Amino acid sequence: MQPVMAPADVRTRGDDVLEVRWTGPDGRPRTARIARLIDDWDYVGRWWAREVRRHYRLLEADDGRWLEAYREDGRWWVSRANG
């Protein structure tokens, strides 16, 4: 997987992620329809002078791509993806 670090629009049903949209490093829009949750975990740490709390999800899209997304302060981000 390659680093992305892009804001994302995420469609959910309850706690399930259904679809993720973001802009790739090349400026092209990306969409992933999620087939399954592979793993999820919480991260709590410090970034410079502030505390950071993130909930990460490792997801598999219906076309086989994997992506890592997290939610922080109510906003979603794609941190890594392949394809």
Protein backbone atom coordinates (compact mmCIF):
# COMPACT_ATOMS: atom_id res chain seq x y z
CA MET A 1 0.00 0.00 0.00
CA GLN A 2 1.10 3.53 -0.77
CA PRO A 3 0.70 6.59 1.48
CA VAL A 4 -2.27 8.79 0.57
CA MET A 5 -3.23 11.04 3.52
CA ALA A 6 -6.32 12.51 1.85
CA PRO A 7 -9.64 13.63 3.32
CA ALA A 8 -12.41 11.17 2.48
CA ASP A 9 -16.17 11.02 2.12
CA VAL A 10 -17.37 7.82 3.75
CA ARG A 11 -20.80 6.25 3.50
CA THR A 12 -21.71 4.06 6.46
CA ARG A 13 -24.57 2.00 7.80
CA GLY A 14 -24.25 1.90 11.57
CA ASP A 15 -20.60 1.05 12.21
CA ASP A 16 -20.12 -0.58 8.78
CA VAL A 17 -18.22 1.31 6.09
CA LEU A 18 -19.98 0.86 2.74
CA GLU A 19 -18.10 3.21 0.41
CA VAL A 20 -15.07 5.50 0.56
CA ARG A 21 -14.32 8.39 -1.84
CA TRP A 22 -11.09 10.37 -1.91
CA THR A 23 -8.68 12.12 -4.28
CA GLY A 24 -5.56 10.12 -5.15
CA PRO A 25 -2.04 11.56 -5.14
CA ASP A 26 -2.37 12.07 -8.92
CA GLY A 27 -5.43 14.29 -8.42
CA ARG A 28 -7.90 11.73 -9.79
CA PRO A 29 -11.00 10.86 -7.76
CA ARG A 30 -11.13 7.35 -6.29
CA THR A 31 -14.09 5.31 -5.07
CA ALA A 32 -13.99 2.02 -3.20
CA ARG A 33 -17.11 0.00 -2.44
CA ILE A 34 -16.22 -1.95 0.67
CA ALA A 35 -16.60 -5.73 0.69
CA ARG A 36 -15.23 -6.43 4.15
CA LEU A 37 -13.54 -5.09 7.24
CA ILE A 38 -10.16 -6.76 7.69
CA ASP A 39 -9.14 -5.13 10.98
CA ASP A 40 -9.80 -2.10 13.15
CA TRP A 41 -7.93 -0.48 16.02
CA ASP A 42 -7.66 2.69 18.08
CA TYR A 43 -4.65 4.97 18.22
CA VAL A 44 -4.10 7.45 21.03
CA GLY A 45 -0.95 9.54 21.02
CA ARG A 46 0.48 13.01 20.72
CA TRP A 47 1.15 15.05 17.60
CA TRP A 48 3.20 18.09 18.49
CA ALA A 49 1.36 19.69 21.41
CA ARG A 50 -2.04 18.04 21.07
CA GLU A 51 -3.50 14.66 21.85
CA VAL A 52 -4.60 12.58 18.87
CA ARG A 53 -7.37 9.95 18.96
CA ARG A 54 -8.04 7.98 15.81
CA HIS A 55 -10.08 4.90 14.99
CA TYR A 56 -8.46 3.05 12.09
CA ARG A 57 -10.05 0.54 9.74
CA LEU A 58 -8.28 -1.72 7.28
CA LEU A 59 -10.79 -2.38 4.49
CA GLU A 60 -11.03 -4.53 1.39
CA ALA A 61 -12.90 -3.12 -1.61
CA ASP A 62 -15.12 -5.26 -3.81
CA ASP A 63 -12.42 -5.17 -6.53
CA GLY A 64 -9.74 -6.55 -4.17
CA ARG A 65 -7.99 -3.26 -3.33
CA TRP A 66 -7.09 -2.62 0.28
CA LEU A 67 -7.23 0.73 2.01
CA GLU A 68 -6.59 2.05 5.47
CA ALA A 69 -8.94 4.78 6.65
CA TYR A 70 -9.34 6.51 9.98
CA ARG A 71 -11.75 8.86 11.69
CA GLU A 72 -10.49 11.75 13.79
CA ASP A 73 -12.61 14.55 15.26
CA GLY A 74 -15.58 13.44 13.15
CA ARG A 75 -13.67 13.60 9.85
CA TRP A 76 -12.54 10.66 7.72
CA TRP A 77 -9.14 10.27 6.05
CA VAL A 78 -7.57 7.66 3.79
CA SER A 79 -4.04 7.11 5.05
CA ARG A 80 -2.89 4.31 2.70
CA ALA A 81 -4.27 2.48 -0.31
CA ASN A 82 -3.27 0.26 -3.20
CA GLY A 83 -4.66 0.93 -6.63
